[in-house]
């Protein structure tokens, strides 16, 4: 398989503007923010710079702004998803990711997920807080869940990654809480993207996996079932079926 970057099979033009970025994401369906070693995926940085990252240059600074603006303006989904790293998902394919994960959920579903062992207690607390109080910036959310200490911050990061990897929470822009770097702002996917959550409820997991596998193979024709399974976190049997549909 090809290394991370912009698939050679794609004739999509180089990204130069915010509008180009939206069209690129709609075209590829899902991609990384920056290239990630051993993760064969397109990246927004590579689409813009057409070369590997070289420090905090103008390209890195620009896509860092876009990773806040794109989800805030509801032009794309963004969270730490593939391999726990920054990932964009187009609004067209978001329902398929939700259906494949079985997480087209509402705030009230937090209790069921916790009682059935699908999420930790800390993740349950964050989910509950966002459900009751709405979107929060990092420090506000940590305070609401009594995770202000250094140890609490570690718990917060672990639980937030857990919820993002399940597509329950999304990055929803940034907020200047201190004089340092702006904080991430988080929101429940059910509130940020209600149409996509509703659409996911009409898809079976099998249909969703087939659509995602088909899109990935359109970008990387040589992808094997084992590689697809490893990337998406499916069983090899699920990947074989998805690629065959």
Protein backbone atom coordinates (compact mmCIF):
# COMPACT_ATOMS: atom_id res chain seq x y z
CA UNK A 1 0.00 0.00 0.00
CA UNK A 2 1.02 3.57 -0.53
CA UNK A 3 2.38 5.65 2.31
CA UNK A 4 0.19 8.26 4.03
CA UNK A 5 -0.44 11.31 1.91
CA UNK A 6 -2.58 12.14 -1.07
CA UNK A 7 -3.35 8.96 -3.03
CA UNK A 8 -1.79 9.02 -6.47
CA UNK A 9 -5.04 7.65 -7.85
CA UNK A 10 -6.76 10.92 -6.96
CA UNK A 11 -6.78 13.75 -9.48
CA UNK A 12 -8.14 16.19 -6.96
CA UNK A 13 -6.39 19.57 -7.27
CA UNK A 14 -4.12 20.97 -4.61
CA UNK A 15 -5.85 22.53 -1.63
CA UNK A 16 -5.22 26.26 -1.32
CA UNK A 17 -8.29 27.76 0.37
CA UNK A 18 -10.86 26.86 3.02
CA UNK A 19 -13.35 26.07 0.26
CA UNK A 20 -10.79 23.78 -1.39
CA UNK A 21 -10.38 21.99 1.94
CA UNK A 22 -14.13 21.33 2.18
CA UNK A 23 -14.20 19.98 -1.38
CA UNK A 24 -11.14 17.82 -0.71
CA UNK A 25 -12.71 16.30 2.40
CA UNK A 26 -15.95 15.63 0.54
CA UNK A 27 -13.91 13.99 -2.21
CA UNK A 28 -11.76 11.64 -0.10
CA UNK A 29 -14.45 11.04 2.55
CA UNK A 30 -12.06 10.80 5.48
CA UNK A 31 -8.45 11.76 6.13
CA UNK A 32 -5.89 12.64 8.77
CA UNK A 33 -5.01 16.18 9.82
CA UNK A 34 -1.27 15.44 9.47
CA UNK A 35 0.28 12.34 7.87
CA UNK A 36 0.72 9.54 10.42
CA UNK A 37 3.44 6.91 10.06
CA UNK A 38 2.14 3.48 9.11
CA UNK A 39 -1.40 4.80 8.60
CA UNK A 40 -2.08 4.75 4.84
CA UNK A 41 -4.53 7.62 4.66
CA UNK A 42 -4.79 10.96 2.86
CA UNK A 43 -4.00 13.99 5.01
CA UNK A 44 -5.16 17.57 4.78
CA UNK A 45 -1.61 18.78 5.37
CA UNK A 46 -0.26 16.77 2.44
CA UNK A 47 -3.10 17.98 0.21
CA UNK A 48 -2.14 21.57 1.04
CA UNK A 49 1.67 21.38 1.19
CA UNK A 50 2.28 18.43 -1.15
CA UNK A 51 5.19 17.36 1.03
CA UNK A 52 5.74 15.91 4.52
CA UNK A 53 5.43 18.33 7.46
CA UNK A 54 8.51 20.49 8.03
CA UNK A 55 8.02 22.07 11.44
CA UNK A 56 5.44 24.67 12.37
CA UNK A 57 5.41 26.27 8.94
CA UNK A 58 2.68 28.25 7.16
CA UNK A 59 0.93 25.07 6.04
CA UNK A 60 0.78 23.60 9.54
CA UNK A 61 -0.50 26.89 10.93
CA UNK A 62 -3.21 27.12 8.28
CA UNK A 63 -4.61 23.62 8.70
CA UNK A 64 -4.49 24.09 12.48
CA UNK A 65 -6.95 26.96 12.02
CA UNK A 66 -9.06 24.87 9.65
CA UNK A 67 -9.34 21.97 12.10
CA UNK A 68 -11.18 24.43 14.38
CA UNK A 69 -13.17 26.22 11.68
CA UNK A 70 -14.36 23.20 9.67
CA UNK A 71 -16.28 21.49 12.52
CA UNK A 72 -17.38 24.81 14.05
CA UNK A 73 -19.01 25.78 10.75
CA UNK A 74 -20.37 22.22 10.38
CA UNK A 75 -18.52 21.65 7.11
CA UNK A 76 -16.83 18.45 8.32
CA UNK A 77 -16.52 16.25 11.39
CA UNK A 78 -13.24 16.36 13.33
CA UNK A 79 -12.04 14.31 16.29
CA UNK A 80 -9.18 12.08 17.38
CA UNK A 81 -10.37 8.94 15.68
CA UNK A 82 -8.03 6.84 13.54
CA UNK A 83 -5.20 5.66 15.81
CA UNK A 84 -6.17 8.37 18.31
CA UNK A 85 -4.98 11.09 15.95
CA UNK A 86 -6.70 14.09 14.38
CA UNK A 87 -9.17 12.85 11.76
CA UNK A 88 -11.64 14.53 9.42
CA UNK A 89 -14.77 12.76 8.20
CA UNK A 90 -17.04 14.18 5.52
CA UNK A 91 -20.66 14.80 6.46
CA UNK A 92 -21.72 12.38 3.73
CA UNK A 93 -19.83 9.47 5.28
CA UNK A 94 -20.30 10.38 8.95
CA UNK A 95 -23.59 8.38 9.15
CA UNK A 96 -21.73 5.32 7.86
CA UNK A 97 -19.02 5.64 10.50
CA UNK A 98 -21.67 6.02 13.21
CA UNK A 99 -23.63 3.02 11.96
CA UNK A 100 -20.49 0.88 11.70
CA UNK A 101 -19.56 1.78 15.30
CA UNK A 102 -23.11 1.44 16.59
CA UNK A 103 -22.89 4.90 18.12
CA UNK A 104 -25.74 6.88 16.57
CA UNK A 105 -26.71 7.75 20.12
CA UNK A 106 -28.42 10.41 22.23
CA UNK A 107 -27.39 11.90 25.62
CA UNK A 108 -29.71 9.51 27.48
CA UNK A 109 -27.78 6.53 26.10
CA UNK A 110 -24.78 7.28 28.33
CA UNK A 111 -26.22 5.20 31.18
CA UNK A 112 -26.70 2.13 28.98
CA UNK A 113 -23.19 2.41 27.54
CA UNK A 114 -21.71 2.64 31.03
CA UNK A 115 -23.75 -0.21 32.53
CA UNK A 116 -22.89 -2.51 29.62
CA UNK A 117 -19.17 -1.73 29.91
CA UNK A 118 -18.79 0.14 26.63
CA UNK A 119 -17.40 3.25 28.34
CA UNK A 120 -15.52 4.00 31.56
CA UNK A 121 -16.93 5.95 34.51
CA UNK A 122 -14.87 9.01 33.58
CA UNK A 123 -16.20 8.89 30.00
CA UNK A 124 -19.71 8.55 31.41
CA UNK A 125 -19.19 11.69 33.52
CA UNK A 126 -17.99 13.71 30.52
CA UNK A 127 -20.88 12.46 28.40
CA UNK A 128 -23.35 13.32 31.15
CA UNK A 129 -21.92 16.83 31.57
CA UNK A 130 -22.03 17.59 27.85
CA UNK A 131 -25.54 16.17 27.63
CA UNK A 132 -26.91 18.27 30.47
CA UNK A 133 -24.98 21.50 29.99
CA UNK A 134 -24.13 21.65 26.28
CA UNK A 135 -20.78 22.25 24.58
CA UNK A 136 -17.79 23.02 26.76
CA UNK A 137 -14.21 24.18 26.38
CA UNK A 138 -11.56 21.96 27.97
CA UNK A 139 -11.05 23.77 31.29
CA UNK A 140 -14.79 24.32 31.80
CA UNK A 141 -15.49 20.65 31.20
CA UNK A 142 -12.69 19.50 33.48
CA UNK A 143 -14.05 21.77 36.23
CA UNK A 144 -17.61 20.52 35.74
CA UNK A 145 -16.40 16.94 36.12
CA UNK A 146 -13.99 17.67 38.99
CA UNK A 147 -10.90 16.81 36.94
CA UNK A 148 -8.92 20.01 37.59
CA UNK A 149 -5.79 18.41 39.06
CA UNK A 150 -2.83 17.02 37.12
CA UNK A 151 -4.10 13.50 37.75
CA UNK A 152 -7.57 14.66 36.78
CA UNK A 153 -6.21 16.02 33.51
CA UNK A 154 -4.78 12.60 32.66
CA UNK A 155 -8.16 11.02 33.38
CA UNK A 156 -9.84 13.69 31.27
CA UNK A 157 -7.59 13.10 28.26
CA UNK A 158 -8.04 9.34 28.45
CA UNK A 159 -11.82 9.57 28.76
CA UNK A 160 -12.12 12.20 26.04
CA UNK A 161 -10.09 10.05 23.64
CA UNK A 162 -12.38 7.16 24.52
CA UNK A 163 -15.48 9.17 23.58
CA UNK A 164 -13.94 10.55 20.41
CA UNK A 165 -12.85 7.09 19.26
CA UNK A 166 -16.49 6.00 19.62
CA UNK A 167 -17.67 9.07 17.66
CA UNK A 168 -19.78 10.20 20.60
CA UNK A 169 -17.94 13.50 21.08
CA UNK A 170 -16.61 15.84 18.42
CA UNK A 171 -14.18 18.73 18.38
CA UNK A 172 -16.24 21.88 17.91
CA UNK A 173 -13.80 24.74 17.51
CA UNK A 174 -11.58 26.47 20.03
CA UNK A 175 -11.99 28.93 22.88
CA UNK A 176 -9.47 31.28 24.49
CA UNK A 177 -9.76 30.30 28.17
CA UNK A 178 -6.29 31.50 29.24
CA UNK A 179 -3.50 33.62 27.79
CA UNK A 180 -1.86 30.45 26.50
CA UNK A 181 -3.01 28.37 23.53
CA UNK A 182 -6.73 28.32 22.85
CA UNK A 183 -8.57 25.35 24.40
CA UNK A 184 -10.45 22.76 22.41
CA UNK A 185 -14.21 23.00 22.58
CA UNK A 186 -16.19 19.74 22.66
CA UNK A 187 -19.77 18.85 21.82
CA UNK A 188 -21.84 15.69 21.57
CA UNK A 189 -22.09 14.43 17.99
CA UNK A 190 -25.85 14.01 18.46
CA UNK A 191 -26.17 17.74 19.06
CA UNK A 192 -23.56 18.95 16.55
CA UNK A 193 -24.64 16.67 13.68
CA UNK A 194 -28.27 15.61 14.33
CA UNK A 195 -29.06 14.95 10.65
CA UNK A 196 -26.12 12.59 10.30
CA UNK A 197 -27.03 10.76 13.53
CA UNK A 198 -30.60 10.34 12.29
CA UNK A 199 -29.36 9.06 8.92
CA UNK A 200 -27.10 6.55 10.65
CA UNK A 201 -30.13 5.01 12.31
CA UNK A 202 -31.39 3.96 8.87
CA UNK A 203 -28.20 2.09 7.96
CA UNK A 204 -27.17 -1.42 8.95
CA UNK A 205 -23.63 -1.98 10.17
CA UNK A 206 -23.00 -4.17 7.12
CA UNK A 207 -24.16 -1.47 4.69
CA UNK A 208 -22.04 1.10 6.47
CA UNK A 209 -18.89 -1.01 6.42
CA UNK A 210 -19.38 -1.75 2.71
CA UNK A 211 -19.59 1.96 1.89
CA UNK A 212 -16.49 2.79 3.95
CA UNK A 213 -14.47 -0.10 2.54
CA UNK A 214 -15.50 0.86 -0.98
CA UNK A 215 -14.44 4.46 -0.46
CA UNK A 216 -11.10 3.42 1.00
CA UNK A 217 -10.40 1.03 -1.86
CA UNK A 218 -11.25 3.78 -4.37
CA UNK A 219 -8.36 5.72 -2.83
CA UNK A 220 -6.05 2.72 -2.33
CA UNK A 221 -7.01 0.03 -4.89
CA UNK A 222 -4.42 -2.38 -3.53
CA UNK A 223 -5.86 -2.45 -0.02
CA UNK A 224 -6.25 -6.01 1.34
CA UNK A 225 -8.95 -7.20 3.77
CA UNK A 226 -6.34 -7.48 6.53
CA UNK A 227 -5.21 -3.89 5.99
CA UNK A 228 -8.79 -2.60 5.91
CA UNK A 229 -9.65 -4.54 9.06
CA UNK A 230 -6.63 -3.16 10.89
CA UNK A 231 -7.36 0.43 9.86
CA UNK A 232 -11.07 0.43 10.71
CA UNK A 233 -10.87 -1.87 13.72
CA UNK A 234 -13.02 -4.59 12.14
CA UNK A 235 -12.58 -8.34 12.11
CA UNK A 236 -10.99 -9.76 8.97
CA UNK A 237 -14.30 -11.49 8.16
CA UNK A 238 -16.13 -8.15 8.36
CA UNK A 239 -13.55 -6.57 6.05
CA UNK A 240 -13.79 -9.42 3.53
CA UNK A 241 -17.58 -9.10 3.45
CA UNK A 242 -17.45 -5.30 3.21
CA UNK A 243 -15.05 -5.39 0.27
CA UNK A 244 -17.15 -7.99 -1.50
CA UNK A 245 -20.41 -6.01 -1.37
